[in-house]
Amino acid sequence: MYAAVRRYEGVTDAAEAARLVNEGFVPLMRQVSGFVAYYWIDAGDGVMVSTSVFRDQAGVDESISRAAHFVRDSLASLLPHPPQVMAGEVVASA
C-alpha cells in the first residue's frame, strides 16, 4: 500500500472546508484506481490534514494531482497556503 499526507495551514473555515471535501473531493478519491481509504482531519488551530491510501503508487500520484485541482477550483479561499505533501510506501500498519 501507498499513502499521501497533505497538511494545510491557515484554514479559514474548517467546517466549510470539511463539507466541501466530503461532498466534492471524497467521491473523486473513490473513483481513483486502487483506492483504499481517505481521511480529512481537523487538527485545530487552522490546520487540516488529509490522508489518502491506495494499493499502488499510481493511485497516490493521481490523488495528489486531483487534490491540487480540487483545492485550486473549490477550496482556494479556505486554504490560502499550499499544502505540505508527503507520500510513500506504507511500511507498517494495524
PDB file of N, CA and C in Angstrom:
ATOM      1  N   MET A   1       0.830  -1.176   0.000  1.00  0.00           N
ATOM      2  CA  MET A   1       0.000   0.000   0.000  1.00  0.00           C
ATOM      3  C   MET A   1       0.876   1.241   0.000  1.00  0.00           C
ATOM      4  N   TYR A   2       0.264   2.336  -0.463  1.00  0.00           N
ATOM      5  CA  TYR A   2       0.937   3.620  -0.536  1.00  0.00           C
ATOM      6  C   TYR A   2       0.002   4.688   0.021  1.00  0.00           C
ATOM      7  N   ALA A   3       0.576   5.752   0.571  1.00  0.00           N
ATOM      8  CA  ALA A   3      -0.240   6.809   1.160  1.00  0.00           C
ATOM      9  C   ALA A   3       0.328   8.176   0.814  1.00  0.00           C
ATOM     10  N   ALA A   4      -0.578   9.143   0.778  1.00  0.00           N
ATOM     11  CA  ALA A   4      -0.200  10.553   0.636  1.00  0.00           C
ATOM     12  C   ALA A   4      -0.807  11.301   1.812  1.00  0.00           C
ATOM     13  N   VAL A   5      -0.001  12.176   2.408  1.00  0.00           N
ATOM     14  CA  VAL A   5      -0.459  13.011   3.508  1.00  0.00           C
ATOM     15  C   VAL A   5      -0.249  14.458   3.081  1.00  0.00           C
ATOM     16  N   ARG A   6      -1.318  15.261   3.227  1.00  0.00           N
ATOM     17  CA  ARG A   6      -1.242  16.665   2.875  1.00  0.00           C
ATOM     18  C   ARG A   6      -1.641  17.481   4.107  1.00  0.00           C
ATOM     19  N   ARG A   7      -0.798  18.430   4.484  1.00  0.00           N
ATOM     20  CA  ARG A   7      -1.054  19.285   5.657  1.00  0.00           C
ATOM     21  C   ARG A   7      -1.332  20.699   5.173  1.00  0.00           C
ATOM     22  N   TYR A   8      -2.506  21.205   5.548  1.00  0.00           N
ATOM     23  CA  TYR A   8      -2.933  22.548   5.172  1.00  0.00           C
ATOM     24  C   TYR A   8      -2.924  23.436   6.407  1.00  0.00           C
ATOM     25  N   GLU A   9      -2.300  24.604   6.312  1.00  0.00           N
ATOM     26  CA  GLU A   9      -2.250  25.548   7.416  1.00  0.00           C
ATOM     27  C   GLU A   9      -2.965  26.831   7.018  1.00  0.00           C
ATOM     28  N   GLY A  10      -3.478  27.555   8.018  1.00  0.00           N
ATOM     29  CA  GLY A  10      -4.173  28.806   7.756  1.00  0.00           C
ATOM     30  C   GLY A  10      -5.586  28.621   7.233  1.00  0.00           C
ATOM     31  N   VAL A  11      -6.192  27.481   7.506  1.00  0.00           N
ATOM     32  CA  VAL A  11      -7.550  27.209   7.041  1.00  0.00           C
ATOM     33  C   VAL A  11      -8.490  28.232   7.670  1.00  0.00           C
ATOM     34  N   THR A  12      -9.276  28.899   6.843  1.00  0.00           N
ATOM     35  CA  THR A  12     -10.109  29.998   7.332  1.00  0.00           C
ATOM     36  C   THR A  12     -11.469  29.544   7.853  1.00  0.00           C
ATOM     37  N   ASP A  13     -11.977  28.413   7.399  1.00  0.00           N
ATOM     38  CA  ASP A  13     -13.284  27.904   7.849  1.00  0.00           C
ATOM     39  C   ASP A  13     -13.245  26.384   7.775  1.00  0.00           C
ATOM     40  N   ALA A  14     -12.879  25.749   8.890  1.00  0.00           N
ATOM     41  CA  ALA A  14     -12.694  24.295   8.909  1.00  0.00           C
ATOM     42  C   ALA A  14     -13.987  23.548   8.604  1.00  0.00           C
ATOM     43  N   ALA A  15     -15.112  24.026   9.126  1.00  0.00           N
ATOM     44  CA  ALA A  15     -16.389  23.336   8.901  1.00  0.00           C
ATOM     45  C   ALA A  15     -16.777  23.377   7.428  1.00  0.00           C
ATOM     46  N   GLU A  16     -16.602  24.509   6.788  1.00  0.00           N
ATOM     47  CA  GLU A  16     -16.943  24.618   5.364  1.00  0.00           C
ATOM     48  C   GLU A  16     -15.974  23.808   4.510  1.00  0.00           C
ATOM     49  N   ALA A  17     -14.705  23.823   4.859  1.00  0.00           N
ATOM     50  CA  ALA A  17     -13.735  23.006   4.124  1.00  0.00           C
ATOM     51  C   ALA A  17     -14.103  21.534   4.237  1.00  0.00           C
ATOM     52  N   ALA A  18     -14.468  21.096   5.430  1.00  0.00           N
ATOM     53  CA  ALA A  18     -14.859  19.691   5.625  1.00  0.00           C
ATOM     54  C   ALA A  18     -16.090  19.350   4.802  1.00  0.00           C
ATOM     55  N   ARG A  19     -17.062  20.245   4.767  1.00  0.00           N
ATOM     56  CA  ARG A  19     -18.274  19.989   3.989  1.00  0.00           C
ATOM     57  C   ARG A  19     -17.945  19.849   2.501  1.00  0.00           C
ATOM     58  N   LEU A  20     -17.146  20.771   1.974  1.00  0.00           N
ATOM     59  CA  LEU A  20     -16.796  20.722   0.560  1.00  0.00           C
ATOM     60  C   LEU A  20     -15.972  19.484   0.213  1.00  0.00           C
ATOM     61  N   VAL A  21     -15.042  19.121   1.093  1.00  0.00           N
ATOM     62  CA  VAL A  21     -14.236  17.919   0.870  1.00  0.00           C
ATOM     63  C   VAL A  21     -15.119  16.686   0.876  1.00  0.00           C
ATOM     64  N   ASN A  22     -15.999  16.601   1.851  1.00  0.00           N
ATOM     65  CA  ASN A  22     -16.872  15.432   1.965  1.00  0.00           C
ATOM     66  C   ASN A  22     -17.804  15.306   0.764  1.00  0.00           C
ATOM     67  N   GLU A  23     -18.366  16.413   0.331  1.00  0.00           N
ATOM     68  CA  GLU A  23     -19.329  16.380  -0.776  1.00  0.00           C
ATOM     69  C   GLU A  23     -18.677  16.312  -2.152  1.00  0.00           C
ATOM     70  N   GLY A  24     -17.512  16.936  -2.305  1.00  0.00           N
ATOM     71  CA  GLY A  24     -16.911  17.026  -3.631  1.00  0.00           C
ATOM     72  C   GLY A  24     -15.663  16.213  -3.859  1.00  0.00           C
ATOM     73  N   PHE A  25     -14.783  16.172  -2.862  1.00  0.00           N
ATOM     74  CA  PHE A  25     -13.494  15.508  -3.080  1.00  0.00           C
ATOM     75  C   PHE A  25     -13.528  14.021  -2.772  1.00  0.00           C
ATOM     76  N   VAL A  26     -14.236  13.632  -1.715  1.00  0.00           N
ATOM     77  CA  VAL A  26     -14.302  12.208  -1.361  1.00  0.00           C
ATOM     78  C   VAL A  26     -14.808  11.364  -2.538  1.00  0.00           C
ATOM     79  N   PRO A  27     -15.869  11.790  -3.236  1.00  0.00           N
ATOM     80  CA  PRO A  27     -16.299  10.996  -4.394  1.00  0.00           C
ATOM     81  C   PRO A  27     -15.218  10.878  -5.475  1.00  0.00           C
ATOM     82  N   LEU A  28     -14.409  11.921  -5.654  1.00  0.00           N
ATOM     83  CA  LEU A  28     -13.314  11.857  -6.624  1.00  0.00           C
ATOM     84  C   LEU A  28     -12.268  10.822  -6.221  1.00  0.00           C
ATOM     85  N   MET A  29     -11.956  10.759  -4.924  1.00  0.00           N
ATOM     86  CA  MET A  29     -10.974   9.784  -4.450  1.00  0.00           C
ATOM     87  C   MET A  29     -11.465   8.353  -4.663  1.00  0.00           C
ATOM     88  N   ARG A  30     -12.743   8.123  -4.426  1.00  0.00           N
ATOM     89  CA  ARG A  30     -13.299   6.775  -4.586  1.00  0.00           C
ATOM     90  C   ARG A  30     -13.216   6.283  -6.022  1.00  0.00           C
ATOM     91  N   GLN A  31     -13.098   7.202  -6.978  1.00  0.00           N
ATOM     92  CA  GLN A  31     -13.012   6.837  -8.394  1.00  0.00           C
ATOM     93  C   GLN A  31     -11.600   6.442  -8.821  1.00  0.00           C
ATOM     94  N   VAL A  32     -10.605   6.779  -8.021  1.00  0.00           N
ATOM     95  CA  VAL A  32      -9.214   6.503  -8.389  1.00  0.00           C
ATOM     96  C   VAL A  32      -8.929   5.011  -8.222  1.00  0.00           C
ATOM     97  N   SER A  33      -8.327   4.432  -9.231  1.00  0.00           N
ATOM     98  CA  SER A  33      -7.979   3.004  -9.200  1.00  0.00           C
ATOM     99  C   SER A  33      -7.087   2.691  -7.999  1.00  0.00           C
ATOM    100  N   GLY A  34      -7.401   1.623  -7.296  1.00  0.00           N
ATOM    101  CA  GLY A  34      -6.602   1.202  -6.155  1.00  0.00           C
ATOM    102  C   GLY A  34      -6.964   1.883  -4.853  1.00  0.00           C
ATOM    103  N   PHE A  35      -8.065   2.640  -4.840  1.00  0.00           N
ATOM    104  CA  PHE A  35      -8.483   3.353  -3.630  1.00  0.00           C
ATOM    105  C   PHE A  35      -8.689   2.394  -2.464  1.00  0.00           C
ATOM    106  N   VAL A  36      -8.164   2.769  -1.288  1.00  0.00           N
ATOM    107  CA  VAL A  36      -8.358   2.004  -0.056  1.00  0.00           C
ATOM    108  C   VAL A  36      -9.110   2.853   0.969  1.00  0.00           C
ATOM    109  N   ALA A  37      -8.619   4.072   1.237  1.00  0.00           N
ATOM    110  CA  ALA A  37      -9.239   4.905   2.269  1.00  0.00           C
ATOM    111  C   ALA A  37      -8.843   6.358   2.078  1.00  0.00           C
ATOM    112  N   TYR A  38      -9.667   7.246   2.636  1.00  0.00           N
ATOM    113  CA  TYR A  38      -9.376   8.674   2.638  1.00  0.00           C
ATOM    114  C   TYR A  38      -9.852   9.249   3.962  1.00  0.00           C
ATOM    115  N   TYR A  39      -9.046  10.136   4.550  1.00  0.00           N
ATOM    116  CA  TYR A  39      -9.386  10.783   5.818  1.00  0.00           C
ATOM    117  C   TYR A  39      -9.082  12.268   5.710  1.00  0.00           C
ATOM    118  N   TRP A  40      -9.990  13.103   6.233  1.00  0.00           N
ATOM    119  CA  TRP A  40      -9.797  14.553   6.317  1.00  0.00           C
ATOM    120  C   TRP A  40      -9.881  14.887   7.801  1.00  0.00           C
ATOM    121  N   ILE A  41      -8.822  15.425   8.352  1.00  0.00           N
ATOM    122  CA  ILE A  41      -8.692  15.586   9.802  1.00  0.00           C
ATOM    123  C   ILE A  41      -8.587  17.064  10.158  1.00  0.00           C
ATOM    124  N   ASP A  42      -9.405  17.495  11.117  1.00  0.00           N
ATOM    125  CA  ASP A  42      -9.301  18.839  11.658  1.00  0.00           C
ATOM    126  C   ASP A  42      -8.365  18.765  12.863  1.00  0.00           C
ATOM    127  N   ALA A  43      -7.142  19.257  12.691  1.00  0.00           N
ATOM    128  CA  ALA A  43      -6.142  19.205  13.752  1.00  0.00           C
ATOM    129  C   ALA A  43      -6.225  20.419  14.682  1.00  0.00           C
ATOM    130  N   GLY A  44      -7.135  21.335  14.401  1.00  0.00           N
ATOM    131  CA  GLY A  44      -7.284  22.524  15.235  1.00  0.00           C
ATOM    132  C   GLY A  44      -6.326  23.635  14.847  1.00  0.00           C
ATOM    133  N   ASP A  45      -6.597  24.821  15.346  1.00  0.00           N
ATOM    134  CA  ASP A  45      -5.744  25.990  15.113  1.00  0.00           C
ATOM    135  C   ASP A  45      -5.492  26.266  13.634  1.00  0.00           C
ATOM    136  N   GLY A  46      -6.517  26.046  12.790  1.00  0.00           N
ATOM    137  CA  GLY A  46      -6.380  26.336  11.364  1.00  0.00           C
ATOM    138  C   GLY A  46      -5.574  25.330  10.587  1.00  0.00           C
ATOM    139  N   VAL A  47      -5.366  24.153  11.153  1.00  0.00           N
ATOM    140  CA  VAL A  47      -4.605  23.099  10.469  1.00  0.00           C
ATOM    141  C   VAL A  47      -5.543  21.944  10.145  1.00  0.00           C
ATOM    142  N   MET A  48      -5.499  21.506   8.887  1.00  0.00           N
ATOM    143  CA  MET A  48      -6.243  20.319   8.473  1.00  0.00           C
ATOM    144  C   MET A  48      -5.278  19.410   7.720  1.00  0.00           C
ATOM    145  N   VAL A  49      -5.509  18.108   7.863  1.00  0.00           N
ATOM    146  CA  VAL A  49      -4.613  17.118   7.277  1.00  0.00           C
ATOM    147  C   VAL A  49      -5.454  16.098   6.527  1.00  0.00           C
ATOM    148  N   SER A  50      -5.025  15.738   5.332  1.00  0.00           N
ATOM    149  CA  SER A  50      -5.695  14.662   4.608  1.00  0.00           C
ATOM    150  C   SER A  50      -4.732  13.502   4.442  1.00  0.00           C
ATOM    151  N   THR A  51      -5.298  12.308   4.476  1.00  0.00           N
ATOM    152  CA  THR A  51      -4.525  11.093   4.243  1.00  0.00           C
ATOM    153  C   THR A  51      -5.271  10.252   3.220  1.00  0.00           C
ATOM    154  N   SER A  52      -4.588   9.903   2.149  1.00  0.00           N
ATOM    155  CA  SER A  52      -5.147   9.062   1.093  1.00  0.00           C
ATOM    156  C   SER A  52      -4.348   7.773   1.044  1.00  0.00           C
ATOM    157  N   VAL A  53      -5.035   6.637   1.001  1.00  0.00           N
ATOM    158  CA  VAL A  53      -4.359   5.341   0.973  1.00  0.00           C
ATOM    159  C   VAL A  53      -4.805   4.592  -0.288  1.00  0.00           C
ATOM    160  N   PHE A  54      -3.827   4.049  -1.001  1.00  0.00           N
ATOM    161  CA  PHE A  54      -4.078   3.334  -2.250  1.00  0.00           C
ATOM    162  C   PHE A  54      -3.246   2.063  -2.309  1.00  0.00           C
ATOM    163  N   ARG A  55      -3.635   1.162  -3.172  1.00  0.00           N
ATOM    164  CA  ARG A  55      -2.904  -0.098  -3.323  1.00  0.00           C
ATOM    165  C   ARG A  55      -1.565   0.088  -4.033  1.00  0.00           C
ATOM    166  N   ASP A  56      -1.426   1.176  -4.802  1.00  0.00           N
ATOM    167  CA  ASP A  56      -0.191   1.351  -5.569  1.00  0.00           C
ATOM    168  C   ASP A  56       0.206   2.823  -5.665  1.00  0.00           C
ATOM    169  N   GLN A  57       1.412   3.038  -6.120  1.00  0.00           N
ATOM    170  CA  GLN A  57       1.959   4.386  -6.259  1.00  0.00           C
ATOM    171  C   GLN A  57       1.162   5.208  -7.258  1.00  0.00           C
ATOM    172  N   ALA A  58       0.664   4.590  -8.312  1.00  0.00           N
ATOM    173  CA  ALA A  58      -0.109   5.321  -9.319  1.00  0.00           C
ATOM    174  C   ALA A  58      -1.349   5.958  -8.706  1.00  0.00           C
ATOM    175  N   GLY A  59      -2.003   5.270  -7.799  1.00  0.00           N
ATOM    176  CA  GLY A  59      -3.164   5.829  -7.128  1.00  0.00           C
ATOM    177  C   GLY A  59      -2.816   7.043  -6.291  1.00  0.00           C
ATOM    178  N   VAL A  60      -1.707   6.955  -5.581  1.00  0.00           N
ATOM    179  CA  VAL A  60      -1.245   8.090  -4.775  1.00  0.00           C
ATOM    180  C   VAL A  60      -0.930   9.281  -5.673  1.00  0.00           C
ATOM    181  N   ASP A  61      -0.233   9.027  -6.762  1.00  0.00           N
ATOM    182  CA  ASP A  61       0.113  10.112  -7.680  1.00  0.00           C
ATOM    183  C   ASP A  61      -1.149  10.779  -8.224  1.00  0.00           C
ATOM    184  N   GLU A  62      -2.142   9.972  -8.585  1.00  0.00           N
ATOM    185  CA  GLU A  62      -3.403  10.514  -9.090  1.00  0.00           C
ATOM    186  C   GLU A  62      -4.118  11.310  -8.001  1.00  0.00           C
ATOM    187  N   SER A  63      -4.079  10.840  -6.760  1.00  0.00           N
ATOM    188  CA  SER A  63      -4.746  11.563  -5.669  1.00  0.00           C
ATOM    189  C   SER A  63      -4.098  12.922  -5.435  1.00  0.00           C
ATOM    190  N   ILE A  64      -2.794  13.001  -5.535  1.00  0.00           N
ATOM    191  CA  ILE A  64      -2.090  14.272  -5.356  1.00  0.00           C
ATOM    192  C   ILE A  64      -2.495  15.256  -6.450  1.00  0.00           C
ATOM    193  N   SER A  65      -2.574  14.775  -7.673  1.00  0.00           N
ATOM    194  CA  SER A  65      -2.986  15.614  -8.788  1.00  0.00           C
ATOM    195  C   SER A  65      -4.429  16.095  -8.615  1.00  0.00           C
ATOM    196  N   ARG A  66      -5.320  15.173  -8.259  1.00  0.00           N
ATOM    197  CA  ARG A  66      -6.728  15.543  -8.078  1.00  0.00           C
ATOM    198  C   ARG A  66      -6.901  16.509  -6.912  1.00  0.00           C
ATOM    199  N   ALA A  67      -6.127  16.318  -5.852  1.00  0.00           N
ATOM    200  CA  ALA A  67      -6.217  17.222  -4.707  1.00  0.00           C
ATOM    201  C   ALA A  67      -5.800  18.635  -5.107  1.00  0.00           C
ATOM    202  N   ALA A  68      -4.732  18.755  -5.863  1.00  0.00           N
ATOM    203  CA  ALA A  68      -4.268  20.081  -6.285  1.00  0.00           C
ATOM    204  C   ALA A  68      -5.338  20.782  -7.114  1.00  0.00           C
ATOM    205  N   HIS A  69      -5.956  20.067  -8.036  1.00  0.00           N
ATOM    206  CA  HIS A  69      -7.009  20.657  -8.864  1.00  0.00           C
ATOM    207  C   HIS A  69      -8.232  21.026  -8.031  1.00  0.00           C
ATOM    208  N   PHE A  70      -8.628  20.150  -7.110  1.00  0.00           N
ATOM    209  CA  PHE A  70      -9.811  20.417  -6.298  1.00  0.00           C
ATOM    210  C   PHE A  70      -9.591  21.630  -5.401  1.00  0.00           C
ATOM    211  N   VAL A  71      -8.430  21.723  -4.787  1.00  0.00           N
ATOM    212  CA  VAL A  71      -8.130  22.870  -3.936  1.00  0.00           C
ATOM    213  C   VAL A  71      -8.162  24.149  -4.776  1.00  0.00           C
ATOM    214  N   ARG A  72      -7.528  24.122  -5.922  1.00  0.00           N
ATOM    215  CA  ARG A  72      -7.496  25.306  -6.785  1.00  0.00           C
ATOM    216  C   ARG A  72      -8.910  25.719  -7.200  1.00  0.00           C
ATOM    217  N   ASP A  73      -9.745  24.742  -7.581  1.00  0.00           N
ATOM    218  CA  ASP A  73     -11.066  25.039  -8.133  1.00  0.00           C
ATOM    219  C   ASP A  73     -12.142  25.269  -7.074  1.00  0.00           C
ATOM    220  N   SER A  74     -12.001  24.674  -5.889  1.00  0.00           N
ATOM    221  CA  SER A  74     -13.106  24.686  -4.925  1.00  0.00           C
ATOM    222  C   SER A  74     -12.756  25.177  -3.521  1.00  0.00           C
ATOM    223  N   LEU A  75     -11.487  25.175  -3.166  1.00  0.00           N
ATOM    224  CA  LEU A  75     -11.131  25.483  -1.779  1.00  0.00           C
ATOM    225  C   LEU A  75     -10.121  26.619  -1.616  1.00  0.00           C
ATOM    226  N   ALA A  76      -9.753  27.253  -2.692  1.00  0.00           N
ATOM    227  CA  ALA A  76      -8.668  28.240  -2.627  1.00  0.00           C
ATOM    228  C   ALA A  76      -8.919  29.324  -1.590  1.00  0.00           C
ATOM    229  N   SER A  77     -10.162  29.772  -1.425  1.00  0.00           N
ATOM    230  CA  SER A  77     -10.432  30.834  -0.463  1.00  0.00           C
ATOM    231  C   SER A  77     -10.360  30.345   0.984  1.00  0.00           C
ATOM    232  N   LEU A  78     -10.513  29.042   1.195  1.00  0.00           N
ATOM    233  CA  LEU A  78     -10.483  28.470   2.545  1.00  0.00           C
ATOM    234  C   LEU A  78      -9.114  27.931   2.937  1.00  0.00           C
ATOM    235  N   LEU A  79      -8.324  27.576   1.938  1.00  0.00           N
ATOM    236  CA  LEU A  79      -6.987  27.009   2.163  1.00  0.00           C
ATOM    237  C   LEU A  79      -5.977  27.930   1.472  1.00  0.00           C
ATOM    238  N   PRO A  80      -5.616  29.031   2.112  1.00  0.00           N
ATOM    239  CA  PRO A  80      -4.826  30.068   1.444  1.00  0.00           C
ATOM    240  C   PRO A  80      -3.360  29.722   1.195  1.00  0.00           C
ATOM    241  N   HIS A  81      -2.851  28.691   1.845  1.00  0.00           N
ATOM    242  CA  HIS A  81      -1.437  28.345   1.684  1.00  0.00           C
ATOM    243  C   HIS A  81      -1.297  26.985   1.002  1.00  0.00           C
ATOM    244  N   PRO A  82      -0.267  26.803   0.192  1.00  0.00           N
ATOM    245  CA  PRO A  82      -0.058  25.489  -0.419  1.00  0.00           C
ATOM    246  C   PRO A  82       0.218  24.448   0.669  1.00  0.00           C
ATOM    247  N   PRO A  83      -0.231  23.223   0.448  1.00  0.00           N
ATOM    248  CA  PRO A  83      -0.029  22.197   1.467  1.00  0.00           C
ATOM    249  C   PRO A  83       1.396  21.666   1.479  1.00  0.00           C
ATOM    250  N   GLN A  84       1.753  21.079   2.604  1.00  0.00           N
ATOM    251  CA  GLN A  84       2.960  20.264   2.678  1.00  0.00           C
ATOM    252  C   GLN A  84       2.505  18.865   2.262  1.00  0.00           C
ATOM    253  N   VAL A  85       3.137  18.292   1.253  1.00  0.00           N
ATOM    254  CA  VAL A  85       2.716  16.993   0.728  1.00  0.00           C
ATOM    255  C   VAL A  85       3.828  15.982   0.947  1.00  0.00           C
ATOM    256  N   MET A  86       3.446  14.855   1.530  1.00  0.00           N
ATOM    257  CA  MET A  86       4.373  13.735   1.724  1.00  0.00           C
ATOM    258  C   MET A  86       3.700  12.489   1.181  1.00  0.00           C
ATOM    259  N   ALA A  87       4.456  11.616   0.552  1.00  0.00           N
ATOM    260  CA  ALA A  87       3.866  10.389   0.021  1.00  0.00           C
ATOM    261  C   ALA A  87       4.932   9.292   0.031  1.00  0.00           C
ATOM    262  N   GLY A  88       4.436   8.062   0.137  1.00  0.00           N
ATOM    263  CA  GLY A  88       5.364   6.936   0.090  1.00  0.00           C
ATOM    264  C   GLY A  88       4.692   5.625   0.384  1.00  0.00           C
ATOM    265  N   GLU A  89       5.508   4.601   0.449  1.00  0.00           N
ATOM    266  CA  GLU A  89       5.008   3.262   0.707  1.00  0.00           C
ATOM    267  C   GLU A  89       4.676   3.097   2.191  1.00  0.00           C
ATOM    268  N   VAL A  90       3.560   2.459   2.467  1.00  0.00           N
ATOM    269  CA  VAL A  90       3.182   2.139   3.837  1.00  0.00           C
ATOM    270  C   VAL A  90       4.029   0.924   4.256  1.00  0.00           C
ATOM    271  N   VAL A  91       4.836   1.084   5.288  1.00  0.00           N
ATOM    272  CA  VAL A  91       5.742   0.006   5.698  1.00  0.00           C
ATOM    273  C   VAL A  91       5.322  -0.644   7.000  1.00  0.00           C
ATOM    274  N   ALA A  92       4.282  -0.109   7.655  1.00  0.00           N
ATOM    275  CA  ALA A  92       3.715  -0.731   8.841  1.00  0.00           C
ATOM    276  C   ALA A  92       2.277  -0.255   8.957  1.00  0.00           C
ATOM    277  N   SER A  93       1.403  -1.129   9.414  1.00  0.00           N
ATOM    278  CA  SER A  93       0.002  -0.749   9.601  1.00  0.00           C
ATOM    279  C   SER A  93      -0.629  -1.647  10.645  1.00  0.00           C
ATOM    280  N   ALA A  94      -1.796  -1.223  11.127  1.00  0.00           N
ATOM    281  CA  ALA A  94      -2.516  -2.018  12.126  1.00  0.00           C
ATOM    282  C   ALA A  94      -3.969  -2.099  11.740  1.00  0.00           C
TER     283      ALA A  94
END
